Amino acid sequence: MEGVCDLCPRKCGVDRSVKKGYCSVGDTLKLGAATLHFWEEPILASKGGSGAVFFSGCSLKCVYCQNFALSRGEGTEISVKRLAEIFKELEDKGADNIDLVTGSHFIPEIAEALSLYKPRVPVVFNCGGYEKVESLELLKGLVDIYMPDFKYSDKEIAARYSNAPDYPEVALKAIDEMKRQVGETVVGDDGLMKKGILVRHLVLPNAVANSKKALDILSGVLDKEKDYISLMSQYVPFGRAEEYPEINRRLKPIEYKAVVAHAEKLGFKNAFIQLADSADTEYIPDFDGRGVLKKD
């Protein structure tokens, strides 16, 4: 990467070869871990797990982020060649997919790595939804499954928790581009998605209205018969949540049930619902560098 960076909607204009961008990283690939991850939706991975590649940094930086240290730049620097090797190593371990987690600020490097080695299993681009369409275009033909969040329908909430008042409109444009690239959802005989889109939404405390409106919007964008959504109840106060009293608690069952009921009312046929015990820190990976550096 040379010159100013405009990969994400922030368009911070930083020369990341000289200093860190809004995303908290420079222009060298940086990972927190590369490991088999067994907690993604069952349509994505089975016994093999997802071959999760956790990228350091984030252009969204939600105040409640469960991967807080990683999103603020913690991790180990690697080369593009090493990233391609990691894809192969995870595939050889039996991963059902290669799950690229929060790599939006490294899209050119990801595209280059996938040109060096394209896995035989589906490649999943797992992101916060706050993506720039022009950057996503670099991934056309390289990503098989897009798994974006659609976090906010409320601009004020988006501004308060993610400093992104334009989140709803930006995310919708990104989802439209993702659908354009991958087309209709394809599920194999093994019950795993091979191509398509799965949109996640994390229900926040005291924000049921935000969630219901988000589902209203998605019902007009997604194919409710074929596309998949995932309603997550796994919120745990993390990061800087203690500075925001209204979200400094776990989700109440009644809040989550209200959102699930709204999804059913809207007619979503393929909606993943989480159990209450999913709100546990044991499901948060350790970003201890495992799988990042090549071992002799």
C-alpha atoms as a PDB file:
ATOM      1  CA  MET A   1       0.000   0.000   0.000  1.00  0.00           C
ATOM      2  CA  GLU A   2       1.360   3.405  -0.950  1.00  0.00           C
ATOM      3  CA  GLY A   3       0.137   6.902  -0.135  1.00  0.00           C
ATOM      4  CA  VAL A   4      -3.014   7.769   1.764  1.00  0.00           C
ATOM      5  CA  CYS A   5      -5.390   4.997   2.805  1.00  0.00           C
ATOM      6  CA  ASP A   6      -9.029   5.115   1.760  1.00  0.00           C
ATOM      7  CA  LEU A   7      -9.863   1.408   2.059  1.00  0.00           C
ATOM      8  CA  CYS A   8     -12.688   1.896   4.551  1.00  0.00           C
ATOM      9  CA  PRO A   9     -15.543   4.421   4.844  1.00  0.00           C
ATOM     10  CA  ARG A  10     -13.509   6.413   7.383  1.00  0.00           C
ATOM     11  CA  LYS A  11     -11.184   7.593   4.601  1.00  0.00           C
ATOM     12  CA  CYS A  12      -8.741   8.694   7.280  1.00  0.00           C
ATOM     13  CA  GLY A  13      -6.162   9.561   4.621  1.00  0.00           C
ATOM     14  CA  VAL A  14      -3.220   8.254   6.640  1.00  0.00           C
ATOM     15  CA  ASP A  15      -0.099   6.949   4.937  1.00  0.00           C
ATOM     16  CA  ARG A  16      -0.037   3.626   6.766  1.00  0.00           C
ATOM     17  CA  SER A  17       3.554   2.980   5.724  1.00  0.00           C
ATOM     18  CA  VAL A  18       4.459   5.873   8.022  1.00  0.00           C
ATOM     19  CA  LYS A  19       1.926   5.702  10.842  1.00  0.00           C
ATOM     20  CA  LYS A  20      -1.142   3.767  11.942  1.00  0.00           C
ATOM     21  CA  GLY A  21      -4.538   4.544  10.477  1.00  0.00           C
ATOM     22  CA  TYR A  22      -7.873   4.868  12.259  1.00  0.00           C
ATOM     23  CA  CYS A  23      -7.834   1.042  12.223  1.00  0.00           C
ATOM     24  CA  SER A  24      -4.822   1.048  14.622  1.00  0.00           C
ATOM     25  CA  VAL A  25      -2.475  -0.788  12.251  1.00  0.00           C
ATOM     26  CA  GLY A  26       0.096   0.100   9.626  1.00  0.00           C
ATOM     27  CA  ASP A  27       0.442  -1.362   6.141  1.00  0.00           C
ATOM     28  CA  THR A  28       1.903  -4.726   7.194  1.00  0.00           C
ATOM     29  CA  LEU A  29      -0.422  -7.679   7.758  1.00  0.00           C
ATOM     30  CA  LYS A  30      -0.979  -8.380  11.425  1.00  0.00           C
ATOM     31  CA  LEU A  31      -2.827 -11.302  13.032  1.00  0.00           C
ATOM     32  CA  GLY A  32      -3.941 -12.200  16.531  1.00  0.00           C
ATOM     33  CA  ALA A  33      -4.449 -15.907  15.829  1.00  0.00           C
ATOM     34  CA  ALA A  34      -5.085 -18.448  13.077  1.00  0.00           C
ATOM     35  CA  THR A  35      -6.905 -21.461  14.449  1.00  0.00           C
ATOM     36  CA  LEU A  36      -9.825 -23.842  14.118  1.00  0.00           C
ATOM     37  CA  HIS A  37     -12.879 -22.145  15.593  1.00  0.00           C
ATOM     38  CA  PHE A  38     -15.940 -24.199  16.493  1.00  0.00           C
ATOM     39  CA  TRP A  39     -18.521 -21.571  17.390  1.00  0.00           C
ATOM     40  CA  GLU A  40     -19.722 -20.233  14.038  1.00  0.00           C
ATOM     41  CA  GLU A  41     -23.237 -20.901  12.744  1.00  0.00           C
ATOM     42  CA  PRO A  42     -23.840 -24.587  11.842  1.00  0.00           C
ATOM     43  CA  ILE A  43     -24.533 -23.704   8.200  1.00  0.00           C
ATOM     44  CA  LEU A  44     -20.883 -22.610   7.952  1.00  0.00           C
ATOM     45  CA  ALA A  45     -18.911 -25.280   9.758  1.00  0.00           C
ATOM     46  CA  SER A  46     -19.402 -28.770  11.144  1.00  0.00           C
ATOM     47  CA  LYS A  47     -16.920 -31.076  12.867  1.00  0.00           C
ATOM     48  CA  GLY A  48     -13.947 -29.509  11.094  1.00  0.00           C
ATOM     49  CA  GLY A  49     -14.644 -26.040  12.447  1.00  0.00           C
ATOM     50  CA  SER A  50     -13.903 -22.769  10.705  1.00  0.00           C
ATOM     51  CA  GLY A  51     -10.326 -21.981   9.796  1.00  0.00           C
ATOM     52  CA  ALA A  52     -10.457 -18.620  11.524  1.00  0.00           C
ATOM     53  CA  VAL A  53      -7.876 -15.977  10.664  1.00  0.00           C
ATOM     54  CA  PHE A  54      -8.208 -13.118  13.148  1.00  0.00           C
ATOM     55  CA  PHE A  55      -6.814  -9.857  11.754  1.00  0.00           C
ATOM     56  CA  SER A  56      -5.504  -7.161  14.078  1.00  0.00           C
ATOM     57  CA  GLY A  57      -7.071  -3.714  14.037  1.00  0.00           C
ATOM     58  CA  CYS A  58     -10.543  -2.575  13.035  1.00  0.00           C
ATOM     59  CA  SER A  59     -12.007   0.416  11.228  1.00  0.00           C
ATOM     60  CA  LEU A  60     -15.243   0.317  13.253  1.00  0.00           C
ATOM     61  CA  LYS A  61     -14.009  -0.011  16.855  1.00  0.00           C
ATOM     62  CA  CYS A  62     -17.259  -0.562  18.745  1.00  0.00           C
ATOM     63  CA  VAL A  63     -16.931   0.470  22.391  1.00  0.00           C
ATOM     64  CA  TYR A  64     -18.269  -2.931  23.528  1.00  0.00           C
ATOM     65  CA  CYS A  65     -16.071  -5.051  21.240  1.00  0.00           C
ATOM     66  CA  GLN A  66     -15.489  -8.560  22.599  1.00  0.00           C
ATOM     67  CA  ASN A  67     -12.184  -8.670  20.726  1.00  0.00           C
ATOM     68  CA  PHE A  68     -11.174  -5.311  22.196  1.00  0.00           C
ATOM     69  CA  ALA A  69      -7.372  -5.667  22.385  1.00  0.00           C
ATOM     70  CA  LEU A  70      -7.220  -7.249  18.939  1.00  0.00           C
ATOM     71  CA  SER A  71      -9.365  -4.498  17.413  1.00  0.00           C
ATOM     72  CA  ARG A  72      -6.978  -1.924  18.848  1.00  0.00           C
ATOM     73  CA  GLY A  73      -4.008  -3.433  17.015  1.00  0.00           C
ATOM     74  CA  GLU A  74      -2.606  -6.208  19.191  1.00  0.00           C
ATOM     75  CA  GLY A  75      -1.005  -9.004  17.167  1.00  0.00           C
ATOM     76  CA  THR A  76       1.942 -10.311  15.155  1.00  0.00           C
ATOM     77  CA  GLU A  77       3.129  -9.002  11.796  1.00  0.00           C
ATOM     78  CA  ILE A  78       3.418 -11.421   8.871  1.00  0.00           C
ATOM     79  CA  SER A  79       3.941 -11.370   5.106  1.00  0.00           C
ATOM     80  CA  VAL A  80       1.365 -11.942   2.372  1.00  0.00           C
ATOM     81  CA  LYS A  81       3.130 -15.195   1.508  1.00  0.00           C
ATOM     82  CA  ARG A  82       2.767 -16.354   5.106  1.00  0.00           C
ATOM     83  CA  LEU A  83      -0.966 -15.551   5.017  1.00  0.00           C
ATOM     84  CA  ALA A  84      -1.366 -17.792   1.964  1.00  0.00           C
ATOM     85  CA  GLU A  85       0.500 -20.542   3.821  1.00  0.00           C
ATOM     86  CA  ILE A  86      -1.863 -20.153   6.773  1.00  0.00           C
ATOM     87  CA  PHE A  87      -4.845 -20.738   4.480  1.00  0.00           C
ATOM     88  CA  LYS A  88      -3.293 -24.026   3.351  1.00  0.00           C
ATOM     89  CA  GLU A  89      -2.342 -25.082   6.879  1.00  0.00           C
ATOM     90  CA  LEU A  90      -5.874 -24.541   8.202  1.00  0.00           C
ATOM     91  CA  GLU A  91      -7.320 -26.381   5.235  1.00  0.00           C
ATOM     92  CA  ASP A  92      -4.942 -29.307   5.876  1.00  0.00           C
ATOM     93  CA  LYS A  93      -6.166 -29.425   9.496  1.00  0.00           C
ATOM     94  CA  GLY A  94      -9.662 -30.147   8.196  1.00  0.00           C
ATOM     95  CA  ALA A  95     -11.257 -26.694   8.333  1.00  0.00           C
ATOM     96  CA  ASP A  96     -14.667 -26.529   6.670  1.00  0.00           C
ATOM     97  CA  ASN A  97     -13.884 -22.989   5.479  1.00  0.00           C
ATOM     98  CA  ILE A  98     -11.336 -20.214   5.703  1.00  0.00           C
ATOM     99  CA  ASP A  99     -12.935 -17.558   7.902  1.00  0.00           C
ATOM    100  CA  LEU A 100     -11.356 -14.111   7.418  1.00  0.00           C
ATOM    101  CA  VAL A 101     -12.337 -12.174  10.537  1.00  0.00           C
ATOM    102  CA  THR A 102     -12.311  -8.365  10.408  1.00  0.00           C
ATOM    103  CA  GLY A 103      -9.836  -7.980   7.571  1.00  0.00           C
ATOM    104  CA  SER A 104     -11.377  -4.979   5.787  1.00  0.00           C
ATOM    105  CA  HIS A 105      -8.296  -2.785   6.292  1.00  0.00           C
ATOM    106  CA  PHE A 106      -6.133  -5.502   4.704  1.00  0.00           C
ATOM    107  CA  ILE A 107      -8.271  -6.267   1.641  1.00  0.00           C
ATOM    108  CA  PRO A 108      -5.479  -5.732  -0.948  1.00  0.00           C
ATOM    109  CA  GLU A 109      -3.178  -8.078   0.970  1.00  0.00           C
ATOM    110  CA  ILE A 110      -5.967 -10.651   1.405  1.00  0.00           C
ATOM    111  CA  ALA A 111      -6.690 -10.535  -2.336  1.00  0.00           C
ATOM    112  CA  GLU A 112      -2.995 -11.035  -3.073  1.00  0.00           C
ATOM    113  CA  ALA A 113      -2.761 -13.982  -0.663  1.00  0.00           C
ATOM    114  CA  LEU A 114      -5.827 -15.616  -2.222  1.00  0.00           C
ATOM    115  CA  SER A 115      -4.246 -15.228  -5.642  1.00  0.00           C
ATOM    116  CA  LEU A 116      -1.222 -17.133  -4.321  1.00  0.00           C
ATOM    117  CA  TYR A 117      -3.369 -19.885  -2.820  1.00  0.00           C
ATOM    118  CA  LYS A 118      -7.134 -20.250  -3.290  1.00  0.00           C
ATOM    119  CA  PRO A 119      -8.433 -22.796  -0.767  1.00  0.00           C
ATOM    120  CA  ARG A 120     -10.591 -25.696  -1.950  1.00  0.00           C
ATOM    121  CA  VAL A 121     -13.020 -24.963   0.889  1.00  0.00           C
ATOM    122  CA  PRO A 122     -15.207 -21.820   0.866  1.00  0.00           C
ATOM    123  CA  VAL A 123     -13.604 -18.507   1.780  1.00  0.00           C
ATOM    124  CA  VAL A 124     -15.716 -16.494   4.232  1.00  0.00           C
ATOM    125  CA  PHE A 125     -15.329 -12.733   4.627  1.00  0.00           C
ATOM    126  CA  ASN A 126     -16.482 -12.103   8.198  1.00  0.00           C
ATOM    127  CA  CYS A 127     -16.824  -8.368   8.846  1.00  0.00           C
ATOM    128  CA  GLY A 128     -18.580  -5.582  10.748  1.00  0.00           C
ATOM    129  CA  GLY A 129     -20.596  -4.456   7.735  1.00  0.00           C
ATOM    130  CA  TYR A 130     -18.970  -1.012   7.648  1.00  0.00           C
ATOM    131  CA  GLU A 131     -17.308  -1.574   4.284  1.00  0.00           C
ATOM    132  CA  LYS A 132     -16.438   0.475   1.244  1.00  0.00           C
ATOM    133  CA  VAL A 133     -17.946  -0.907  -1.985  1.00  0.00           C
ATOM    134  CA  GLU A 134     -14.831  -0.090  -4.037  1.00  0.00           C
ATOM    135  CA  SER A 135     -12.708  -2.136  -1.632  1.00  0.00           C
ATOM    136  CA  LEU A 136     -15.120  -5.079  -1.694  1.00  0.00           C
ATOM    137  CA  GLU A 137     -14.821  -5.118  -5.491  1.00  0.00           C
ATOM    138  CA  LEU A 138     -11.206  -6.260  -5.034  1.00  0.00           C
ATOM    139  CA  LEU A 139     -12.544  -9.500  -3.541  1.00  0.00           C
ATOM    140  CA  LYS A 140     -14.876 -10.411  -6.401  1.00  0.00           C
ATOM    141  CA  GLY A 141     -14.334 -14.013  -7.393  1.00  0.00           C
ATOM    142  CA  LEU A 142     -12.124 -14.659  -4.363  1.00  0.00           C
ATOM    143  CA  VAL A 143     -14.725 -14.724  -1.576  1.00  0.00           C
ATOM    144  CA  ASP A 144     -17.440 -17.386  -1.621  1.00  0.00           C
ATOM    145  CA  ILE A 145     -19.454 -16.378   1.437  1.00  0.00           C
ATOM    146  CA  TYR A 146     -19.962 -12.937   2.923  1.00  0.00           C
ATOM    147  CA  MET A 147     -20.857 -12.746   6.610  1.00  0.00           C
ATOM    148  CA  PRO A 148     -21.359  -9.080   7.495  1.00  0.00           C
ATOM    149  CA  ASP A 149     -22.935  -7.629  10.599  1.00  0.00           C
ATOM    150  CA  PHE A 150     -25.822  -5.250  10.279  1.00  0.00           C
ATOM    151  CA  LYS A 151     -25.369  -3.684  13.691  1.00  0.00           C
ATOM    152  CA  TYR A 152     -27.407  -0.508  13.596  1.00  0.00           C
ATOM    153  CA  SER A 153     -30.508   0.938  12.027  1.00  0.00           C
ATOM    154  CA  ASP A 154     -30.352   3.920  14.377  1.00  0.00           C
ATOM    155  CA  LYS A 155     -27.792   6.558  13.391  1.00  0.00           C
ATOM    156  CA  GLU A 156     -27.559   7.975  16.912  1.00  0.00           C
ATOM    157  CA  ILE A 157     -26.775   4.581  18.394  1.00  0.00           C
ATOM    158  CA  ALA A 158     -24.230   3.960  15.627  1.00  0.00           C
ATOM    159  CA  ALA A 159     -22.587   7.278  16.439  1.00  0.00           C
ATOM    160  CA  ARG A 160     -22.565   6.653  20.196  1.00  0.00           C
ATOM    161  CA  TYR A 161     -21.111   3.148  20.167  1.00  0.00           C
ATOM    162  CA  SER A 162     -19.068   3.086  16.956  1.00  0.00           C
ATOM    163  CA  ASN A 163     -18.504   6.734  15.977  1.00  0.00           C
ATOM    164  CA  ALA A 164     -20.214   5.916  12.678  1.00  0.00           C
ATOM    165  CA  PRO A 165     -23.487   7.812  12.185  1.00  0.00           C
ATOM    166  CA  ASP A 166     -23.448   6.791   8.525  1.00  0.00           C
ATOM    167  CA  TYR A 167     -23.331   3.089   9.418  1.00  0.00           C
ATOM    168  CA  PRO A 168     -26.863   2.119   8.262  1.00  0.00           C
ATOM    169  CA  GLU A 169     -26.508   3.533   4.747  1.00  0.00           C
ATOM    170  CA  VAL A 170     -22.902   2.380   4.327  1.00  0.00           C
ATOM    171  CA  ALA A 171     -23.655  -1.164   5.499  1.00  0.00           C
ATOM    172  CA  LEU A 172     -26.672  -1.482   3.212  1.00  0.00           C
ATOM    173  CA  LYS A 173     -24.610  -0.498   0.172  1.00  0.00           C
ATOM    174  CA  ALA A 174     -21.972  -3.015   1.214  1.00  0.00           C
ATOM    175  CA  ILE A 175     -24.536  -5.807   1.621  1.00  0.00           C
ATOM    176  CA  ASP A 176     -25.930  -5.014  -1.821  1.00  0.00           C
ATOM    177  CA  GLU A 177     -22.430  -5.372  -3.324  1.00  0.00           C
ATOM    178  CA  MET A 178     -21.841  -8.612  -1.438  1.00  0.00           C
ATOM    179  CA  LYS A 179     -25.067 -10.104  -2.774  1.00  0.00           C
ATOM    180  CA  ARG A 180     -24.180  -8.947  -6.269  1.00  0.00           C
ATOM    181  CA  GLN A 181     -20.873 -10.778  -6.076  1.00  0.00           C
ATOM    182  CA  VAL A 182     -21.961 -14.128  -4.653  1.00  0.00           C
ATOM    183  CA  GLY A 183     -25.515 -14.422  -5.991  1.00  0.00           C
ATOM    184  CA  GLU A 184     -27.990 -16.920  -4.591  1.00  0.00           C
ATOM    185  CA  THR A 185     -27.133 -19.035  -1.577  1.00  0.00           C
ATOM    186  CA  VAL A 186     -25.855 -22.534  -2.326  1.00  0.00           C
ATOM    187  CA  VAL A 187     -25.919 -25.250   0.352  1.00  0.00           C
ATOM    188  CA  GLY A 188     -24.146 -28.550  -0.283  1.00  0.00           C
ATOM    189  CA  ASP A 189     -25.323 -32.089   0.390  1.00  0.00           C
ATOM    190  CA  ASP A 190     -23.342 -31.932   3.634  1.00  0.00           C
ATOM    191  CA  GLY A 191     -25.595 -29.139   4.874  1.00  0.00           C
ATOM    192  CA  LEU A 192     -22.857 -26.485   4.698  1.00  0.00           C
ATOM    193  CA  MET A 193     -23.065 -23.237   2.778  1.00  0.00           C
ATOM    194  CA  LYS A 194     -20.829 -23.126  -0.277  1.00  0.00           C
ATOM    195  CA  LYS A 195     -21.797 -19.683  -1.541  1.00  0.00           C
ATOM    196  CA  GLY A 196     -24.013 -16.841  -0.414  1.00  0.00           C
ATOM    197  CA  ILE A 197     -24.552 -14.333   2.362  1.00  0.00           C
ATOM    198  CA  LEU A 198     -25.333 -14.618   6.066  1.00  0.00           C
ATOM    199  CA  VAL A 199     -26.096 -11.352   7.883  1.00  0.00           C
ATOM    200  CA  ARG A 200     -25.544 -11.189  11.633  1.00  0.00           C
ATOM    201  CA  HIS A 201     -27.214  -8.857  14.087  1.00  0.00           C
ATOM    202  CA  LEU A 202     -26.155  -8.553  17.718  1.00  0.00           C
ATOM    203  CA  VAL A 203     -29.019  -7.514  19.980  1.00  0.00           C
ATOM    204  CA  LEU A 204     -27.825  -4.846  22.418  1.00  0.00           C
ATOM    205  CA  PRO A 205     -29.267  -4.060  25.861  1.00  0.00           C
ATOM    206  CA  ASN A 206     -31.872  -1.289  25.839  1.00  0.00           C
ATOM    207  CA  ALA A 207     -31.915  -1.288  22.020  1.00  0.00           C
ATOM    208  CA  VAL A 208     -34.813  -3.509  20.970  1.00  0.00           C
ATOM    209  CA  ALA A 209     -36.177  -0.752  18.720  1.00  0.00           C
ATOM    210  CA  ASN A 210     -32.819  -0.586  16.909  1.00  0.00           C
ATOM    211  CA  SER A 211     -32.943  -4.352  16.347  1.00  0.00           C
ATOM    212  CA  LYS A 212     -36.537  -4.414  15.129  1.00  0.00           C
ATOM    213  CA  LYS A 213     -35.887  -1.620  12.661  1.00  0.00           C
ATOM    214  CA  ALA A 214     -32.727  -3.382  11.473  1.00  0.00           C
ATOM    215  CA  LEU A 215     -34.807  -6.455  10.698  1.00  0.00           C
ATOM    216  CA  ASP A 216     -37.403  -4.296   8.941  1.00  0.00           C
ATOM    217  CA  ILE A 217     -34.664  -2.934   6.695  1.00  0.00           C
ATOM    218  CA  LEU A 218     -33.109  -6.343   6.042  1.00  0.00           C
ATOM    219  CA  SER A 219     -36.497  -7.799   5.143  1.00  0.00           C
ATOM    220  CA  GLY A 220     -36.527  -5.462   2.156  1.00  0.00           C
ATOM    221  CA  VAL A 221     -32.958  -6.266   1.114  1.00  0.00           C
ATOM    222  CA  LEU A 222     -32.553 -10.004   1.643  1.00  0.00           C
ATOM    223  CA  ASP A 223     -34.422 -12.918   0.157  1.00  0.00           C
ATOM    224  CA  LYS A 224     -36.372 -14.069   3.239  1.00  0.00           C
ATOM    225  CA  GLU A 225     -36.848 -17.521   1.716  1.00  0.00           C
ATOM    226  CA  LYS A 226     -33.210 -18.204   0.810  1.00  0.00           C
ATOM    227  CA  ASP A 227     -30.800 -15.823   2.555  1.00  0.00           C
ATOM    228  CA  TYR A 228     -29.642 -16.445   6.112  1.00  0.00           C
ATOM    229  CA  ILE A 229     -29.612 -14.180   9.132  1.00  0.00           C
ATOM    230  CA  SER A 230     -28.235 -14.798  12.610  1.00  0.00           C
ATOM    231  CA  LEU A 231     -29.746 -13.093  15.660  1.00  0.00           C
ATOM    232  CA  MET A 232     -27.122 -13.052  18.371  1.00  0.00           C
ATOM    233  CA  SER A 233     -27.851 -12.917  22.086  1.00  0.00           C
ATOM    234  CA  GLN A 234     -24.184 -13.273  23.064  1.00  0.00           C
ATOM    235  CA  TYR A 235     -23.643  -9.682  24.211  1.00  0.00           C
ATOM    236  CA  VAL A 236     -21.351  -9.426  27.238  1.00  0.00           C
ATOM    237  CA  PRO A 237     -20.190  -6.036  28.603  1.00  0.00           C
ATOM    238  CA  PHE A 238     -16.646  -5.709  27.318  1.00  0.00           C
ATOM    239  CA  GLY A 239     -14.138  -3.094  26.249  1.00  0.00           C
ATOM    240  CA  ARG A 240     -15.394   0.318  27.361  1.00  0.00           C
ATOM    241  CA  ALA A 241     -18.968  -0.778  28.077  1.00  0.00           C
ATOM    242  CA  GLU A 242     -18.697   0.360  31.684  1.00  0.00           C
ATOM    243  CA  GLU A 243     -18.564   3.946  30.407  1.00  0.00           C
ATOM    244  CA  TYR A 244     -22.042   3.473  28.902  1.00  0.00           C
ATOM    245  CA  PRO A 245     -24.453   2.508  31.719  1.00  0.00           C
ATOM    246  CA  GLU A 246     -27.269   1.528  29.371  1.00  0.00           C
ATOM    247  CA  ILE A 247     -25.215  -1.308  27.848  1.00  0.00           C
ATOM    248  CA  ASN A 248     -23.172  -2.225  30.912  1.00  0.00           C
ATOM    249  CA  ARG A 249     -25.171  -5.384  31.518  1.00  0.00           C
ATOM    250  CA  ARG A 250     -26.071  -8.603  29.765  1.00  0.00           C
ATOM    251  CA  LEU A 251     -29.097  -8.876  27.543  1.00  0.00           C
ATOM    252  CA  LYS A 252     -32.415  -9.661  29.215  1.00  0.00           C
ATOM    253  CA  PRO A 253     -34.240 -12.724  27.825  1.00  0.00           C
ATOM    254  CA  ILE A 254     -37.348 -10.614  27.216  1.00  0.00           C
ATOM    255  CA  GLU A 255     -35.337  -8.256  24.966  1.00  0.00           C
ATOM    256  CA  TYR A 256     -33.999 -11.076  22.829  1.00  0.00           C
ATOM    257  CA  LYS A 257     -37.374 -12.833  22.623  1.00  0.00           C
ATOM    258  CA  ALA A 258     -38.967  -9.616  21.349  1.00  0.00           C
ATOM    259  CA  VAL A 259     -36.449  -9.411  18.497  1.00  0.00           C
ATOM    260  CA  VAL A 260     -36.830 -13.098  17.608  1.00  0.00           C
ATOM    261  CA  ALA A 261     -40.616 -12.699  17.541  1.00  0.00           C
ATOM    262  CA  HIS A 262     -40.262  -9.740  15.184  1.00  0.00           C
ATOM    263  CA  ALA A 263     -38.094 -11.778  12.806  1.00  0.00           C
ATOM    264  CA  GLU A 264     -40.722 -14.497  12.776  1.00  0.00           C
ATOM    265  CA  LYS A 265     -43.447 -11.926  12.120  1.00  0.00           C
ATOM    266  CA  LEU A 266     -41.483 -10.562   9.151  1.00  0.00           C
ATOM    267  CA  GLY A 267     -41.240 -14.047   7.654  1.00  0.00           C
ATOM    268  CA  PHE A 268     -37.518 -14.845   7.788  1.00  0.00           C
ATOM    269  CA  LYS A 269     -37.273 -18.565   7.030  1.00  0.00           C
ATOM    270  CA  ASN A 270     -33.559 -19.036   7.686  1.00  0.00           C
ATOM    271  CA  ALA A 271     -32.810 -17.339  11.006  1.00  0.00           C
ATOM    272  CA  PHE A 272     -30.313 -18.715  13.504  1.00  0.00           C
ATOM    273  CA  ILE A 273     -31.321 -18.223  17.121  1.00  0.00           C
ATOM    274  CA  GLN A 274     -28.859 -18.405  20.008  1.00  0.00           C
ATOM    275  CA  LEU A 275     -29.314 -20.025  23.394  1.00  0.00           C
ATOM    276  CA  ALA A 276     -29.055 -17.836  26.480  1.00  0.00           C
ATOM    277  CA  ASP A 277     -25.808 -19.496  27.584  1.00  0.00           C
ATOM    278  CA  SER A 278     -24.047 -18.215  24.448  1.00  0.00           C
ATOM    279  CA  ALA A 279     -23.414 -14.973  26.363  1.00  0.00           C
ATOM    280  CA  ASP A 280     -20.245 -16.298  27.931  1.00  0.00           C
ATOM    281  CA  THR A 281     -16.634 -15.180  27.654  1.00  0.00           C
ATOM    282  CA  GLU A 282     -15.529 -18.807  27.132  1.00  0.00           C
ATOM    283  CA  TYR A 283     -16.554 -18.439  23.478  1.00  0.00           C
ATOM    284  CA  ILE A 284     -14.156 -15.532  22.948  1.00  0.00           C
ATOM    285  CA  PRO A 285     -10.937 -16.841  21.349  1.00  0.00           C
ATOM    286  CA  ASP A 286      -7.506 -16.336  22.856  1.00  0.00           C
ATOM    287  CA  PHE A 287      -5.488 -14.044  20.622  1.00  0.00           C
ATOM    288  CA  ASP A 288      -2.198 -15.517  21.709  1.00  0.00           C
ATOM    289  CA  GLY A 289      -0.604 -15.760  18.278  1.00  0.00           C
ATOM    290  CA  ARG A 290      -1.374 -19.431  17.769  1.00  0.00           C
ATOM    291  CA  GLY A 291      -0.962 -20.526  14.173  1.00  0.00           C
ATOM    292  CA  VAL A 292       0.413 -17.179  13.026  1.00  0.00           C
ATOM    293  CA  LEU A 293       4.132 -17.854  12.724  1.00  0.00           C
ATOM    294  CA  LYS A 294       5.469 -20.838  10.815  1.00  0.00           C
ATOM    295  CA  LYS A 295       6.901 -23.562  13.037  1.00  0.00           C
ATOM    296  CA  ASP A 296       9.827 -25.720  11.914  1.00  0.00           C
END
